[in-house]
């Protein structure tokens, strides 16, 4: 059985959880405000969502689409965080800093390619049926 936490500690615990959401939302705001690629991913995600509703994709297809969208946007967030950190730690050019940034950007590209593959597998047959 868990030990009983004093009432004041409970209030502090819940307050800290609320603050954690506030900080996370600030991070998302920063991502969307400063990263054009995040907007590209968000616009593509919106289009995919529109086509998902239009073609009435199944629950399983929605799960795959949402997972892919979340993966790409999360990868973009990690990439942005790493770039900010590298720029802070290494304001002058260093080859290793460039490698960190390139690999991070490459991870976003890999996530986007995988998401595009999911989209193609789900939507290509639907577009084919619609047009032919």
N, C-alpha and C. Protein backbone atom coordinates (compact mmCIF):
# COMPACT_ATOMS: atom_id res chain seq x y z
N UNK A 1 0.84 -1.18 0.00
CA UNK A 1 0.00 0.00 0.00
C UNK A 1 0.89 1.24 0.00
N UNK A 2 0.47 2.27 -0.72
CA UNK A 2 1.25 3.50 -0.82
C UNK A 2 1.12 4.32 0.46
N UNK A 3 2.20 5.03 0.84
CA UNK A 3 2.10 5.88 2.02
C UNK A 3 1.17 7.05 1.77
N UNK A 4 0.53 7.51 2.82
CA UNK A 4 -0.41 8.63 2.71
C UNK A 4 0.39 9.92 2.56
N UNK A 5 0.03 10.70 1.56
CA UNK A 5 0.71 11.96 1.29
C UNK A 5 -0.07 13.07 1.99
N UNK A 6 0.63 13.97 2.68
CA UNK A 6 -0.09 15.08 3.33
C UNK A 6 -0.87 15.90 2.32
N UNK A 7 -1.95 16.51 2.78
CA UNK A 7 -2.86 17.26 1.90
C UNK A 7 -2.14 18.37 1.15
N UNK A 8 -1.23 19.09 1.80
CA UNK A 8 -0.52 20.18 1.13
C UNK A 8 0.36 19.64 0.00
N UNK A 9 0.92 18.46 0.18
CA UNK A 9 1.72 17.85 -0.88
C UNK A 9 0.85 17.47 -2.06
N UNK A 10 -0.39 17.02 -1.81
CA UNK A 10 -1.31 16.70 -2.90
C UNK A 10 -1.60 17.93 -3.74
N UNK A 11 -1.84 19.05 -3.08
CA UNK A 11 -2.11 20.28 -3.83
C UNK A 11 -0.91 20.65 -4.68
N UNK A 12 0.28 20.54 -4.12
CA UNK A 12 1.48 20.85 -4.86
C UNK A 12 1.66 19.89 -6.03
N UNK A 13 1.36 18.61 -5.82
CA UNK A 13 1.48 17.61 -6.88
C UNK A 13 0.57 17.97 -8.06
N UNK A 14 -0.69 18.28 -7.80
CA UNK A 14 -1.62 18.61 -8.88
C UNK A 14 -1.26 19.93 -9.54
N UNK A 15 -0.79 20.89 -8.76
CA UNK A 15 -0.36 22.16 -9.33
C UNK A 15 0.81 21.94 -10.28
N UNK A 16 1.76 21.09 -9.90
CA UNK A 16 2.91 20.79 -10.75
C UNK A 16 2.47 20.09 -12.04
N UNK A 17 1.46 19.22 -11.97
CA UNK A 17 0.96 18.55 -13.18
C UNK A 17 0.33 19.57 -14.13
N UNK A 18 -0.43 20.51 -13.57
CA UNK A 18 -1.03 21.55 -14.41
C UNK A 18 0.06 22.40 -15.05
N UNK A 19 1.09 22.75 -14.27
CA UNK A 19 2.19 23.52 -14.84
C UNK A 19 2.91 22.76 -15.95
N UNK A 20 3.02 21.44 -15.81
CA UNK A 20 3.70 20.66 -16.84
C UNK A 20 2.95 20.75 -18.17
N UNK A 21 1.62 20.79 -18.13
CA UNK A 21 0.85 20.97 -19.36
C UNK A 21 1.08 22.37 -19.93
N UNK A 22 1.15 23.35 -19.07
CA UNK A 22 1.40 24.72 -19.51
C UNK A 22 2.73 24.80 -20.26
N UNK A 23 3.77 24.19 -19.69
CA UNK A 23 5.09 24.22 -20.32
C UNK A 23 5.08 23.44 -21.63
N UNK A 24 4.39 22.33 -21.67
CA UNK A 24 4.30 21.55 -22.91
C UNK A 24 3.60 22.36 -24.01
N UNK A 25 2.53 23.05 -23.65
CA UNK A 25 1.83 23.88 -24.64
C UNK A 25 2.70 25.04 -25.11
N UNK A 26 3.52 25.58 -24.21
CA UNK A 26 4.47 26.63 -24.62
C UNK A 26 5.47 26.06 -25.63
N UNK A 27 5.89 24.82 -25.42
CA UNK A 27 6.82 24.19 -26.35
C UNK A 27 6.19 23.98 -27.72
N UNK A 28 4.94 23.55 -27.74
CA UNK A 28 4.23 23.37 -29.02
C UNK A 28 4.07 24.71 -29.71
N UNK A 29 3.75 25.74 -28.95
CA UNK A 29 3.61 27.09 -29.52
C UNK A 29 4.93 27.54 -30.13
N UNK A 30 6.04 27.32 -29.42
CA UNK A 30 7.35 27.68 -29.94
C UNK A 30 7.64 26.92 -31.23
N UNK A 31 7.35 25.64 -31.23
CA UNK A 31 7.58 24.81 -32.41
C UNK A 31 6.83 25.37 -33.62
N UNK A 32 5.55 25.67 -33.44
CA UNK A 32 4.74 26.14 -34.56
C UNK A 32 5.07 27.59 -34.95
N UNK A 33 5.54 28.36 -34.00
CA UNK A 33 5.86 29.76 -34.27
C UNK A 33 7.18 29.90 -35.00
N UNK A 34 8.12 28.99 -34.76
CA UNK A 34 9.47 29.19 -35.28
C UNK A 34 9.89 28.22 -36.38
N UNK A 35 9.15 27.15 -36.59
CA UNK A 35 9.61 26.11 -37.51
C UNK A 35 8.67 25.96 -38.71
N UNK A 36 9.09 26.46 -39.86
CA UNK A 36 8.24 26.33 -41.06
C UNK A 36 7.92 24.88 -41.41
N UNK A 37 8.85 23.97 -41.17
CA UNK A 37 8.58 22.56 -41.48
C UNK A 37 7.47 22.00 -40.61
N UNK A 38 7.35 22.49 -39.39
CA UNK A 38 6.26 22.04 -38.53
C UNK A 38 4.93 22.45 -39.14
N UNK A 39 4.88 23.63 -39.74
CA UNK A 39 3.64 24.07 -40.41
C UNK A 39 3.35 23.18 -41.62
N UNK A 40 4.38 22.82 -42.36
CA UNK A 40 4.19 21.93 -43.51
C UNK A 40 3.58 20.61 -43.04
N UNK A 41 4.14 20.05 -41.98
CA UNK A 41 3.62 18.78 -41.44
C UNK A 41 2.19 18.95 -40.94
N UNK A 42 1.91 20.08 -40.32
CA UNK A 42 0.56 20.33 -39.80
C UNK A 42 -0.45 20.50 -40.95
N UNK A 43 -0.07 21.18 -42.00
CA UNK A 43 -0.96 21.35 -43.15
C UNK A 43 -1.22 20.00 -43.83
N UNK A 44 -0.17 19.21 -44.01
CA UNK A 44 -0.34 17.89 -44.61
C UNK A 44 -1.23 17.02 -43.72
N UNK A 45 -1.02 17.10 -42.41
CA UNK A 45 -1.86 16.33 -41.48
C UNK A 45 -3.32 16.74 -41.59
N UNK A 46 -3.56 18.03 -41.75
CA UNK A 46 -4.93 18.52 -41.91
C UNK A 46 -5.56 17.98 -43.19
N UNK A 47 -4.80 17.99 -44.27
CA UNK A 47 -5.30 17.44 -45.54
C UNK A 47 -5.58 15.95 -45.42
N UNK A 48 -4.70 15.24 -44.77
CA UNK A 48 -4.89 13.80 -44.57
C UNK A 48 -6.15 13.56 -43.74
N UNK A 49 -6.34 14.38 -42.71
CA UNK A 49 -7.56 14.27 -41.90
C UNK A 49 -8.81 14.51 -42.72
N UNK A 50 -8.77 15.52 -43.59
CA UNK A 50 -9.91 15.81 -44.47
C UNK A 50 -10.21 14.61 -45.36
N UNK A 51 -9.18 14.06 -45.99
CA UNK A 51 -9.39 12.90 -46.86
C UNK A 51 -9.85 11.68 -46.07
N UNK A 52 -9.38 11.57 -44.84
CA UNK A 52 -9.82 10.46 -44.00
C UNK A 52 -11.32 10.51 -43.75
N UNK A 53 -11.83 11.72 -43.46
CA UNK A 53 -13.27 11.87 -43.27
C UNK A 53 -14.02 11.68 -44.60
N UNK A 54 -13.46 12.23 -45.67
CA UNK A 54 -14.12 12.14 -46.97
C UNK A 54 -14.27 10.68 -47.42
N UNK A 55 -13.21 9.91 -47.27
CA UNK A 55 -13.24 8.51 -47.70
C UNK A 55 -13.74 7.56 -46.62
N UNK A 56 -14.08 8.10 -45.47
CA UNK A 56 -14.59 7.30 -44.35
C UNK A 56 -13.71 6.11 -44.06
N UNK A 57 -12.45 6.41 -43.76
CA UNK A 57 -11.51 5.34 -43.48
C UNK A 57 -11.90 4.64 -42.18
N UNK A 58 -11.43 3.41 -42.04
CA UNK A 58 -11.80 2.57 -40.90
C UNK A 58 -11.08 3.04 -39.63
N UNK A 59 -11.52 2.50 -38.51
CA UNK A 59 -10.90 2.82 -37.23
C UNK A 59 -9.42 2.43 -37.23
N UNK A 60 -9.09 1.28 -37.75
CA UNK A 60 -7.70 0.84 -37.82
C UNK A 60 -6.86 1.77 -38.69
N UNK A 61 -7.45 2.23 -39.79
CA UNK A 61 -6.73 3.18 -40.66
C UNK A 61 -6.52 4.51 -39.94
N UNK A 62 -7.52 4.96 -39.20
CA UNK A 62 -7.38 6.19 -38.41
C UNK A 62 -6.26 6.03 -37.39
N UNK A 63 -6.20 4.87 -36.77
CA UNK A 63 -5.16 4.65 -35.77
C UNK A 63 -3.78 4.77 -36.40
N UNK A 64 -3.60 4.18 -37.55
CA UNK A 64 -2.30 4.25 -38.24
C UNK A 64 -1.99 5.68 -38.67
N UNK A 65 -2.98 6.38 -39.20
CA UNK A 65 -2.79 7.77 -39.64
C UNK A 65 -2.42 8.66 -38.46
N UNK A 66 -3.16 8.54 -37.36
CA UNK A 66 -2.89 9.38 -36.19
C UNK A 66 -1.52 9.07 -35.59
N UNK A 67 -1.15 7.80 -35.57
CA UNK A 67 0.16 7.42 -35.07
C UNK A 67 1.26 8.01 -35.96
N UNK A 68 1.07 7.94 -37.26
CA UNK A 68 2.06 8.48 -38.19
C UNK A 68 2.17 10.00 -38.04
N UNK A 69 1.04 10.68 -37.94
CA UNK A 69 1.06 12.14 -37.77
C UNK A 69 1.76 12.52 -36.47
N UNK A 70 1.42 11.81 -35.40
CA UNK A 70 2.05 12.09 -34.12
C UNK A 70 3.54 11.84 -34.15
N UNK A 71 3.95 10.78 -34.84
CA UNK A 71 5.37 10.47 -34.96
C UNK A 71 6.12 11.59 -35.67
N UNK A 72 5.58 12.08 -36.76
CA UNK A 72 6.26 13.12 -37.53
C UNK A 72 6.33 14.43 -36.74
N UNK A 73 5.22 14.84 -36.15
CA UNK A 73 5.22 16.09 -35.39
C UNK A 73 6.10 15.98 -34.15
N UNK A 74 6.11 14.82 -33.51
CA UNK A 74 7.00 14.63 -32.36
C UNK A 74 8.46 14.66 -32.79
N UNK A 75 8.77 14.01 -33.90
CA UNK A 75 10.14 14.03 -34.41
C UNK A 75 10.57 15.46 -34.72
N UNK A 76 9.66 16.25 -35.27
CA UNK A 76 9.96 17.66 -35.56
C UNK A 76 10.23 18.42 -34.26
N UNK A 77 9.47 18.11 -33.22
CA UNK A 77 9.70 18.74 -31.93
C UNK A 77 11.05 18.36 -31.34
N UNK A 78 11.40 17.07 -31.40
CA UNK A 78 12.71 16.64 -30.90
C UNK A 78 13.84 17.28 -31.71
N UNK A 79 13.65 17.38 -33.02
CA UNK A 79 14.64 18.00 -33.88
C UNK A 79 14.84 19.47 -33.49
N UNK A 80 13.77 20.17 -33.28
CA UNK A 80 13.85 21.58 -32.89
C UNK A 80 14.56 21.72 -31.55
N UNK A 81 14.19 20.88 -30.59
CA UNK A 81 14.82 20.95 -29.27
C UNK A 81 16.33 20.70 -29.37
N UNK A 82 16.71 19.70 -30.16
CA UNK A 82 18.14 19.40 -30.32
C UNK A 82 18.87 20.54 -31.02
N UNK A 83 18.24 21.14 -32.03
CA UNK A 83 18.89 22.25 -32.72
C UNK A 83 19.10 23.44 -31.80
N UNK A 84 18.09 23.75 -30.99
CA UNK A 84 18.23 24.86 -30.04
C UNK A 84 19.34 24.56 -29.04
N UNK A 85 19.37 23.34 -28.54
CA UNK A 85 20.40 22.95 -27.57
C UNK A 85 21.80 23.02 -28.19
N UNK A 86 21.95 22.49 -29.40
CA UNK A 86 23.25 22.51 -30.07
C UNK A 86 23.68 23.94 -30.34
N UNK A 87 22.76 24.79 -30.80
CA UNK A 87 23.11 26.19 -31.06
C UNK A 87 23.53 26.90 -29.78
N UNK A 88 22.93 26.54 -28.68
CA UNK A 88 23.27 27.15 -27.39
C UNK A 88 24.64 26.67 -26.91
N UNK A 89 24.89 25.37 -27.02
CA UNK A 89 26.15 24.80 -26.53
C UNK A 89 27.33 25.08 -27.46
N UNK A 90 27.03 25.28 -28.73
CA UNK A 90 28.10 25.45 -29.71
C UNK A 90 27.77 26.61 -30.65
N UNK A 91 27.88 27.86 -30.15
CA UNK A 91 27.52 29.00 -31.00
C UNK A 91 28.44 29.15 -32.22
N UNK A 92 29.70 28.72 -32.10
CA UNK A 92 30.60 28.74 -33.25
C UNK A 92 30.49 27.41 -33.99
N UNK A 93 30.91 27.41 -35.24
CA UNK A 93 30.77 26.18 -36.04
C UNK A 93 31.69 25.09 -35.50
N UNK A 94 31.12 23.90 -35.35
CA UNK A 94 31.88 22.70 -35.03
C UNK A 94 31.29 21.56 -35.84
N UNK A 95 32.13 20.74 -36.40
CA UNK A 95 31.66 19.64 -37.26
C UNK A 95 30.72 18.71 -36.51
N UNK A 96 31.02 18.40 -35.24
CA UNK A 96 30.19 17.49 -34.47
C UNK A 96 28.80 18.07 -34.24
N UNK A 97 28.73 19.38 -34.03
CA UNK A 97 27.43 20.03 -33.86
C UNK A 97 26.60 19.92 -35.13
N UNK A 98 27.26 20.07 -36.26
CA UNK A 98 26.57 19.92 -37.54
C UNK A 98 26.06 18.51 -37.75
N UNK A 99 26.84 17.52 -37.32
CA UNK A 99 26.41 16.13 -37.46
C UNK A 99 25.17 15.87 -36.61
N UNK A 100 25.17 16.38 -35.36
CA UNK A 100 24.01 16.20 -34.49
C UNK A 100 22.76 16.78 -35.15
N UNK A 101 22.89 17.98 -35.70
CA UNK A 101 21.74 18.62 -36.33
C UNK A 101 21.30 17.88 -37.59
N UNK A 102 22.26 17.40 -38.38
CA UNK A 102 21.93 16.67 -39.61
C UNK A 102 21.24 15.35 -39.31
N UNK A 103 21.74 14.62 -38.31
CA UNK A 103 21.13 13.33 -37.96
C UNK A 103 19.73 13.55 -37.42
N UNK A 104 19.55 14.61 -36.63
CA UNK A 104 18.23 14.92 -36.09
C UNK A 104 17.25 15.25 -37.22
N UNK A 105 17.69 16.05 -38.17
CA UNK A 105 16.83 16.37 -39.31
C UNK A 105 16.55 15.12 -40.14
N UNK A 106 17.56 14.25 -40.26
CA UNK A 106 17.36 12.99 -40.98
C UNK A 106 16.31 12.11 -40.31
N UNK A 107 16.28 12.13 -38.99
CA UNK A 107 15.27 11.35 -38.27
C UNK A 107 13.86 11.85 -38.59
N UNK A 108 13.71 13.16 -38.72
CA UNK A 108 12.40 13.71 -39.10
C UNK A 108 12.05 13.25 -40.50
N UNK A 109 13.01 13.28 -41.41
CA UNK A 109 12.77 12.83 -42.77
C UNK A 109 12.37 11.37 -42.81
N UNK A 110 13.03 10.53 -42.03
CA UNK A 110 12.65 9.11 -41.98
C UNK A 110 11.22 8.93 -41.47
N UNK A 111 10.85 9.70 -40.44
CA UNK A 111 9.48 9.63 -39.92
C UNK A 111 8.49 10.08 -40.98
N UNK A 112 8.83 11.14 -41.71
CA UNK A 112 7.93 11.65 -42.75
C UNK A 112 7.79 10.64 -43.90
N UNK A 113 8.87 9.98 -44.25
CA UNK A 113 8.81 8.96 -45.31
C UNK A 113 7.91 7.80 -44.86
N UNK A 114 8.08 7.37 -43.61
CA UNK A 114 7.24 6.29 -43.09
C UNK A 114 5.78 6.72 -43.07
N UNK A 115 5.51 7.96 -42.66
CA UNK A 115 4.12 8.46 -42.65
C UNK A 115 3.56 8.53 -44.05
N UNK A 116 4.38 8.94 -45.00
CA UNK A 116 3.92 8.98 -46.39
C UNK A 116 3.59 7.57 -46.88
N UNK A 117 4.39 6.61 -46.47
CA UNK A 117 4.11 5.22 -46.83
C UNK A 117 2.77 4.76 -46.28
N UNK A 118 2.49 5.11 -45.03
CA UNK A 118 1.19 4.76 -44.43
C UNK A 118 0.08 5.43 -45.22
N UNK A 119 0.25 6.70 -45.54
CA UNK A 119 -0.77 7.42 -46.31
C UNK A 119 -1.00 6.81 -47.68
N UNK A 120 0.07 6.43 -48.34
CA UNK A 120 -0.06 5.81 -49.67
C UNK A 120 -0.79 4.48 -49.58
N UNK A 121 -0.42 3.67 -48.60
CA UNK A 121 -1.08 2.36 -48.45
C UNK A 121 -2.57 2.50 -48.15
N UNK A 122 -2.94 3.54 -47.42
CA UNK A 122 -4.34 3.71 -47.05
C UNK A 122 -5.13 4.42 -48.15
N UNK A 123 -4.55 5.49 -48.72
CA UNK A 123 -5.34 6.34 -49.61
C UNK A 123 -5.22 6.00 -51.10
N UNK A 124 -4.14 5.40 -51.53
CA UNK A 124 -3.99 5.09 -52.96
C UNK A 124 -5.14 4.22 -53.48
N UNK A 125 -5.52 3.13 -52.80
CA UNK A 125 -6.65 2.35 -53.30
C UNK A 125 -7.96 3.15 -53.32
N UNK A 126 -8.12 4.05 -52.35
CA UNK A 126 -9.36 4.84 -52.30
C UNK A 126 -9.41 5.86 -53.44
N UNK A 127 -8.26 6.51 -53.72
CA UNK A 127 -8.22 7.44 -54.85
C UNK A 127 -8.40 6.68 -56.17
N UNK A 128 -7.80 5.50 -56.28
CA UNK A 128 -7.93 4.71 -57.49
C UNK A 128 -9.40 4.36 -57.74
N UNK A 129 -10.08 3.90 -56.70
CA UNK A 129 -11.50 3.55 -56.82
C UNK A 129 -12.34 4.77 -57.16
N UNK A 130 -12.01 5.91 -56.58
CA UNK A 130 -12.77 7.14 -56.80
C UNK A 130 -12.63 7.64 -58.23
N UNK A 131 -11.41 7.60 -58.77
CA UNK A 131 -11.18 8.15 -60.11
C UNK A 131 -11.38 7.15 -61.23
N UNK A 132 -11.28 5.84 -60.93
CA UNK A 132 -11.42 4.84 -62.00
C UNK A 132 -12.55 3.92 -61.66
